[in-house]
Amino acid sequence: MPNPRQLLLTVVACALLPSAVAAQAVARVAVLDFGGTETGVRASEKLARALGSEQGLALADREESRAAARGAGYAGSLNMTLDEARDLGGTLGSEFYVTGDAQTLRRSPFSGPHYFEAYASVFVVSSRTGRLVMWDRPSFEAASPAEAEKTLLEELGRRGARYAEAIRRARESESRERAQAAERAGASLPVIEDAPDDEAAAERAGLRLPQPYRRLRPAYTDEAARAEAEATVDVRLLIDEGGEVARAEVVRWAGFGLDEAAAATASQLHFTPARLNGAPVPVRVLLRYNFRKPAKEVKR
């Protein structure tokens, strides 16, 4: 079946490997660079060593992973579609990969002395599905940049076990999903896959597009605020004949709790049913949520 064209609704919010490889006991994991800063280099190296020591994981060669990412044109994005994430994973040749950003920054508060913050945004991604397996953002403050970074690196070393466990759980979950998909093969409900992009085109095809009874705005999360993140999250919905959301899947992720906020909001929507030649039909639509940082209040 060809890739579906999908109805796109926009909301602005503020506030592959072969199955034989997957069956192996060891999961191959690539760790990419965490930006071009010295903190980023040291953070990715620290995390690579921590993951390389975990049972059941095999660390891909860092230089080979770095070269493959460059060859694929990857520039460190932490806001990718499933297709983009899968393509990068296929280039890396690993079941999972870890990417992110790490910096040590000087902070100057409105009151009190300045301080330094060292943080790392850690994103663990499945090459097979393109999904964001987990995200994390350890952050530490100190009077000097060296002290803040030292504490961050020590914590990344300790958290390697947490990231490894997330990879192992994701691997098991994906295996179960494949088995369940095989059981459901051939039993799927017919769905309008090729919904026109606009109402005029839909009407010419005899299709009335679904419309939400009201638009809900997902929250801009505290985690995103701390990271000062701005991103786009796409959620693909399967809307049944009654206009209810049967399934919601994040197909462009951003982390920092924004994916969960967008999916939860989209799942609460109720639509007028799509109709083809007057008869209600299920249809897939794509909701886009653009998250932007709220404007900072100016103190007078």
Protein backbone atom coordinates (compact mmCIF):
# COMPACT_ATOMS: atom_id res chain seq x y z
CA MET A 1 0.00 0.00 0.00
CA PRO A 2 1.45 3.44 -0.85
CA ASN A 3 2.35 5.85 1.92
CA PRO A 4 -0.79 7.77 2.91
CA ARG A 5 -1.21 11.45 2.40
CA GLN A 6 -2.62 12.76 5.62
CA LEU A 7 -4.90 15.57 6.73
CA LEU A 8 -2.83 18.11 8.67
CA LEU A 9 -4.28 20.15 11.54
CA THR A 10 -1.99 22.67 13.31
CA VAL A 11 -2.15 23.86 16.91
CA VAL A 12 0.32 26.30 18.50
CA ALA A 13 1.02 25.52 22.16
CA CYS A 14 2.82 27.77 24.60
CA ALA A 15 2.94 27.40 28.41
CA LEU A 16 15.71 -2.51 10.67
CA LEU A 17 17.62 -4.28 11.27
CA PRO A 18 16.79 -7.83 9.95
CA SER A 19 14.87 -10.02 12.37
CA ALA A 20 17.83 -12.34 12.64
CA VAL A 21 19.87 -9.53 14.18
CA ALA A 22 17.06 -8.59 16.57
CA ALA A 23 16.98 -12.18 17.82
CA GLN A 24 20.58 -12.01 18.97
CA ALA A 25 21.22 -11.79 22.70
CA VAL A 26 23.27 -8.59 22.38
CA ALA A 27 21.82 -5.24 21.27
CA ARG A 28 24.17 -3.06 19.23
CA VAL A 29 24.09 0.57 20.39
CA ALA A 30 25.70 3.65 18.83
CA VAL A 31 26.48 6.75 20.89
CA LEU A 32 26.63 9.94 18.81
CA ASP A 33 28.30 13.23 19.71
CA PHE A 34 26.52 15.53 22.13
CA GLY A 35 27.22 18.75 20.24
CA GLY A 36 30.55 20.41 19.54
CA THR A 37 31.35 21.79 22.98
CA GLU A 38 34.05 20.35 25.23
CA THR A 39 31.36 19.35 27.71
CA GLY A 40 29.47 17.60 24.90
CA VAL A 41 32.54 15.62 23.86
CA ARG A 42 33.30 14.52 27.39
CA ALA A 43 29.64 13.72 28.15
CA SER A 44 29.23 11.45 25.11
CA GLU A 45 32.51 9.68 25.88
CA LYS A 46 31.50 9.13 29.48
CA LEU A 47 28.12 7.74 28.49
CA ALA A 48 29.66 5.51 25.81
CA ARG A 49 31.98 3.96 28.39
CA ALA A 50 29.08 3.44 30.79
CA LEU A 51 26.90 1.74 28.16
CA GLY A 52 29.82 -0.30 26.85
CA SER A 53 30.19 -1.92 30.25
CA GLU A 54 26.53 -2.96 30.46
CA GLN A 55 25.58 -6.59 29.99
CA GLY A 56 23.60 -7.35 26.85
CA LEU A 57 24.81 -4.27 24.95
CA ALA A 58 27.52 -4.01 22.31
CA LEU A 59 28.84 -0.50 21.68
CA ALA A 60 29.34 0.46 18.04
CA ASP A 61 32.71 1.95 17.12
CA ARG A 62 32.54 5.66 17.94
CA GLU A 63 34.49 6.82 14.89
CA GLU A 64 32.41 4.70 12.54
CA SER A 65 29.19 5.99 14.10
CA ARG A 66 30.44 9.58 13.88
CA ALA A 67 31.36 9.15 10.19
CA ALA A 68 28.05 7.46 9.37
CA ALA A 69 26.07 10.26 11.03
CA ARG A 70 28.02 12.90 9.12
CA GLY A 71 27.49 11.02 5.89
CA ALA A 72 23.76 10.93 6.52
CA GLY A 73 23.75 14.70 7.05
CA TYR A 74 22.75 14.41 10.70
CA ALA A 75 23.37 17.71 12.48
CA GLY A 76 22.28 16.81 16.00
CA SER A 77 18.51 17.30 15.75
CA LEU A 78 16.53 16.27 18.83
CA ASN A 79 13.18 16.75 17.07
CA MET A 80 12.80 14.02 14.42
CA THR A 81 10.03 12.19 12.62
CA LEU A 82 9.92 8.41 12.86
CA ASP A 83 11.11 8.15 9.25
CA GLU A 84 14.05 10.48 9.88
CA ALA A 85 15.03 8.56 13.02
CA ARG A 86 14.75 5.20 11.25
CA ASP A 87 16.84 6.44 8.32
CA LEU A 88 19.59 7.60 10.66
CA GLY A 89 19.49 4.32 12.57
CA GLY A 90 19.76 2.37 9.34
CA THR A 91 22.83 4.37 8.37
CA LEU A 92 24.42 3.72 11.76
CA GLY A 93 23.76 -0.01 11.53
CA SER A 94 22.73 -0.27 15.18
CA GLU A 95 19.53 -1.41 16.86
CA PHE A 96 19.48 1.64 19.10
CA TYR A 97 21.38 4.89 19.27
CA VAL A 98 21.91 7.65 21.80
CA THR A 99 22.11 11.28 20.78
CA GLY A 100 21.83 14.52 22.67
CA ASP A 101 23.34 17.81 23.67
CA ALA A 102 25.54 18.79 26.62
CA GLN A 103 26.88 22.18 27.65
CA THR A 104 28.25 24.12 30.60
CA LEU A 105 26.71 27.59 30.76
CA ARG A 106 27.21 30.67 32.91
CA ARG A 107 23.95 31.78 34.48
CA SER A 108 23.27 35.29 35.73
CA PRO A 109 20.09 35.44 37.84
CA PHE A 110 18.16 38.66 38.53
CA SER A 111 19.35 38.51 42.12
CA GLY A 112 22.29 36.76 43.71
CA PRO A 113 25.70 35.80 42.33
CA HIS A 114 26.20 34.14 38.98
CA TYR A 115 26.69 30.38 38.80
CA PHE A 116 27.42 27.67 36.24
CA GLU A 117 25.05 24.99 35.00
CA ALA A 118 26.22 21.78 33.33
CA TYR A 119 23.49 19.74 31.65
CA ALA A 120 23.05 16.87 29.23
CA SER A 121 19.96 16.16 27.16
CA VAL A 122 20.06 12.40 26.52
CA PHE A 123 17.82 10.84 23.84
CA VAL A 124 17.67 7.05 23.36
CA VAL A 125 16.18 6.09 19.98
CA SER A 126 15.12 2.80 18.38
CA SER A 127 16.53 2.32 14.88
CA ARG A 128 13.81 -0.20 14.02
CA THR A 129 10.78 1.93 14.89
CA GLY A 130 12.27 5.43 14.99
CA ARG A 131 10.60 5.98 18.37
CA LEU A 132 12.10 7.93 21.22
CA VAL A 133 12.67 5.18 23.78
CA MET A 134 13.44 7.61 26.59
CA TRP A 135 14.81 11.05 27.26
CA ASP A 136 16.65 12.42 30.25
CA ARG A 137 18.16 15.77 31.25
CA PRO A 138 20.47 15.67 34.25
CA SER A 139 21.56 19.17 35.24
CA PHE A 140 23.85 20.46 37.99
CA GLU A 141 24.78 23.89 39.29
CA ALA A 142 28.04 24.95 40.90
CA ALA A 143 30.21 27.99 41.57
CA SER A 144 32.71 26.98 38.86
CA PRO A 145 32.30 25.39 35.41
CA ALA A 146 34.74 22.59 36.28
CA GLU A 147 32.79 21.62 39.38
CA ALA A 148 29.43 21.64 37.57
CA GLU A 149 30.77 19.53 34.70
CA LYS A 150 32.50 17.07 37.03
CA THR A 151 29.23 16.39 38.85
CA LEU A 152 27.39 15.96 35.54
CA LEU A 153 29.89 13.45 34.18
CA GLU A 154 29.81 11.43 37.37
CA GLU A 155 26.02 11.28 37.20
CA LEU A 156 26.05 10.20 33.54
CA GLY A 157 28.32 7.33 34.51
CA ARG A 158 25.80 6.23 37.13
CA ARG A 159 22.80 6.64 34.82
CA GLY A 160 24.26 4.39 32.14
CA ALA A 161 22.55 1.43 33.81
CA ARG A 162 19.20 3.26 33.59
CA TYR A 163 19.59 3.90 29.88
CA ALA A 164 20.70 0.31 29.26
CA GLU A 165 17.62 -1.01 31.05
CA ALA A 166 15.40 1.23 28.89
CA ILE A 167 17.01 -0.25 25.79
CA ARG A 168 16.47 -3.81 27.01
CA ARG A 169 12.81 -3.10 27.81
CA ALA A 170 12.26 -1.44 24.42
CA ARG A 171 13.81 -4.42 22.67
CA GLU A 172 11.45 -6.83 24.44
CA SER A 173 8.45 -4.58 23.76
CA GLU A 174 9.23 -4.32 20.06
CA SER A 175 9.53 -8.10 19.84
CA ARG A 176 6.06 -8.49 21.38
CA GLU A 177 4.64 -5.85 19.02
CA ARG A 178 5.95 -7.72 15.98
CA ALA A 179 4.38 -10.95 17.19
CA GLN A 180 1.05 -9.22 17.82
CA ALA A 181 1.15 -7.50 14.43
CA ALA A 182 1.64 -10.86 12.75
CA GLU A 183 -1.43 -12.23 14.56
CA ARG A 184 -3.53 -9.23 13.50
CA ALA A 185 -2.43 -9.36 9.86
CA GLY A 186 -5.41 -9.39 7.56
CA ALA A 187 -7.86 -8.46 10.30
CA SER A 188 -7.45 -4.68 10.16
CA LEU A 189 -10.40 -2.35 9.73
CA PRO A 190 -10.46 -0.65 6.29
CA VAL A 191 -9.28 2.93 6.65
CA ILE A 192 -9.26 5.93 4.31
CA GLU A 193 -5.48 6.15 3.87
CA ASP A 194 -5.36 8.85 1.20
CA ALA A 195 -7.29 11.73 2.74
CA PRO A 196 -7.04 14.86 0.58
CA ASP A 197 -5.15 17.79 2.05
CA ASP A 198 -8.00 20.30 1.89
CA GLU A 199 -11.76 20.36 2.10
CA ALA A 200 -12.32 21.31 -1.55
CA ALA A 201 -10.31 18.32 -2.77
CA ALA A 202 -12.07 16.08 -0.26
CA GLU A 203 -15.49 17.20 -1.46
CA ARG A 204 -14.54 16.42 -5.06
CA ALA A 205 -13.65 12.90 -3.90
CA GLY A 206 -16.96 12.58 -2.05
CA LEU A 207 -15.24 12.73 1.33
CA ARG A 208 -16.22 14.98 4.22
CA LEU A 209 -13.25 15.40 6.51
CA PRO A 210 -13.58 14.97 10.28
CA GLN A 211 -13.61 18.15 12.35
CA PRO A 212 -12.88 18.44 16.08
CA TYR A 213 -15.80 19.72 18.15
CA ARG A 214 -13.29 21.88 20.02
CA ARG A 215 -9.56 22.38 19.87
CA LEU A 216 -7.52 21.59 22.96
CA ARG A 217 -4.12 23.06 23.66
CA PRO A 218 -1.46 20.83 25.25
CA ALA A 219 0.57 22.24 28.10
CA TYR A 220 4.12 23.47 27.64
CA THR A 221 5.76 21.25 30.25
CA ASP A 222 7.99 22.27 33.14
CA GLU A 223 10.70 20.00 31.74
CA ALA A 224 10.55 21.81 28.40
CA ALA A 225 10.67 25.16 30.19
CA ARG A 226 13.80 24.17 32.09
CA ALA A 227 15.42 23.07 28.82
CA GLU A 228 14.07 26.16 26.99
CA ALA A 229 12.91 23.73 24.30
CA GLU A 230 11.01 24.73 21.18
CA ALA A 231 9.82 21.88 19.01
CA THR A 232 7.10 20.40 16.82
CA VAL A 233 5.28 17.22 17.80
CA ASP A 234 3.18 15.36 15.21
CA VAL A 235 0.51 12.91 16.38
CA ARG A 236 -1.15 10.55 13.90
CA LEU A 237 -4.72 9.66 14.88
CA LEU A 238 -6.95 6.85 13.74
CA ILE A 239 -10.50 8.21 14.00
CA ASP A 240 -13.26 5.60 13.87
CA GLU A 241 -16.65 5.84 12.18
CA GLY A 242 -18.14 7.48 15.25
CA GLY A 243 -15.57 10.28 15.30
CA GLU A 244 -13.73 8.89 18.34
CA VAL A 245 -9.95 8.55 18.55
CA ALA A 246 -9.15 4.84 18.27
CA ARG A 247 -5.38 5.23 18.33
CA ALA A 248 -2.84 8.03 18.75
CA GLU A 249 0.79 7.64 17.72
CA VAL A 250 3.56 10.23 18.02
CA VAL A 251 5.30 10.35 14.64
CA ARG A 252 7.54 13.35 15.32
CA TRP A 253 9.00 13.39 18.82
CA ALA A 254 10.66 16.07 20.87
CA GLY A 255 11.14 14.72 24.39
CA PHE A 256 10.95 16.87 27.54
CA GLY A 257 7.41 15.59 28.18
CA LEU A 258 6.04 17.32 25.07
CA ASP A 259 5.26 14.03 23.26
CA GLU A 260 3.16 12.79 26.17
CA ALA A 261 1.39 16.15 26.48
CA ALA A 262 0.53 16.21 22.77
CA ALA A 263 -0.63 12.57 22.63
CA ALA A 264 -2.75 12.93 25.77
CA THR A 265 -4.41 16.08 24.42
CA ALA A 266 -5.04 14.56 20.99
CA SER A 267 -6.57 11.44 22.57
CA GLN A 268 -9.18 13.60 24.33
CA LEU A 269 -10.53 15.07 21.10
CA HIS A 270 -13.93 14.20 19.63
CA PHE A 271 -14.63 14.66 15.92
CA THR A 272 -17.56 14.82 13.58
CA PRO A 273 -17.20 11.52 11.69
CA ALA A 274 -15.54 11.47 8.31
CA ARG A 275 -18.04 10.51 5.59
CA LEU A 276 -17.41 9.01 2.20
CA ASN A 277 -20.39 9.51 -0.15
CA GLY A 278 -22.53 10.08 2.96
CA ALA A 279 -21.45 6.95 4.85
CA PRO A 280 -19.27 7.26 7.99
CA VAL A 281 -15.74 5.87 7.54
CA PRO A 282 -12.60 5.61 9.67
CA VAL A 283 -9.75 7.88 8.61
CA ARG A 284 -6.20 8.75 9.61
CA VAL A 285 -5.32 12.38 10.29
CA LEU A 286 -2.18 14.13 11.43
CA LEU A 287 -2.25 16.72 14.21
CA ARG A 288 0.69 19.10 14.53
CA TYR A 289 1.50 20.87 17.78
CA ASN A 290 4.05 23.66 17.70
CA PHE A 291 5.52 24.28 21.14
CA ARG A 292 7.12 27.66 21.76
CA LYS A 293 8.68 29.13 24.86
CA PRO A 294 6.36 31.54 26.67
CA ALA A 295 7.59 35.12 26.54
CA LYS A 296 9.57 36.11 29.61
CA GLU A 297 7.99 38.70 31.81
CA VAL A 298 9.96 41.92 32.05
CA LYS A 299 10.43 43.01 35.64
CA ARG A 300 9.86 46.70 36.20
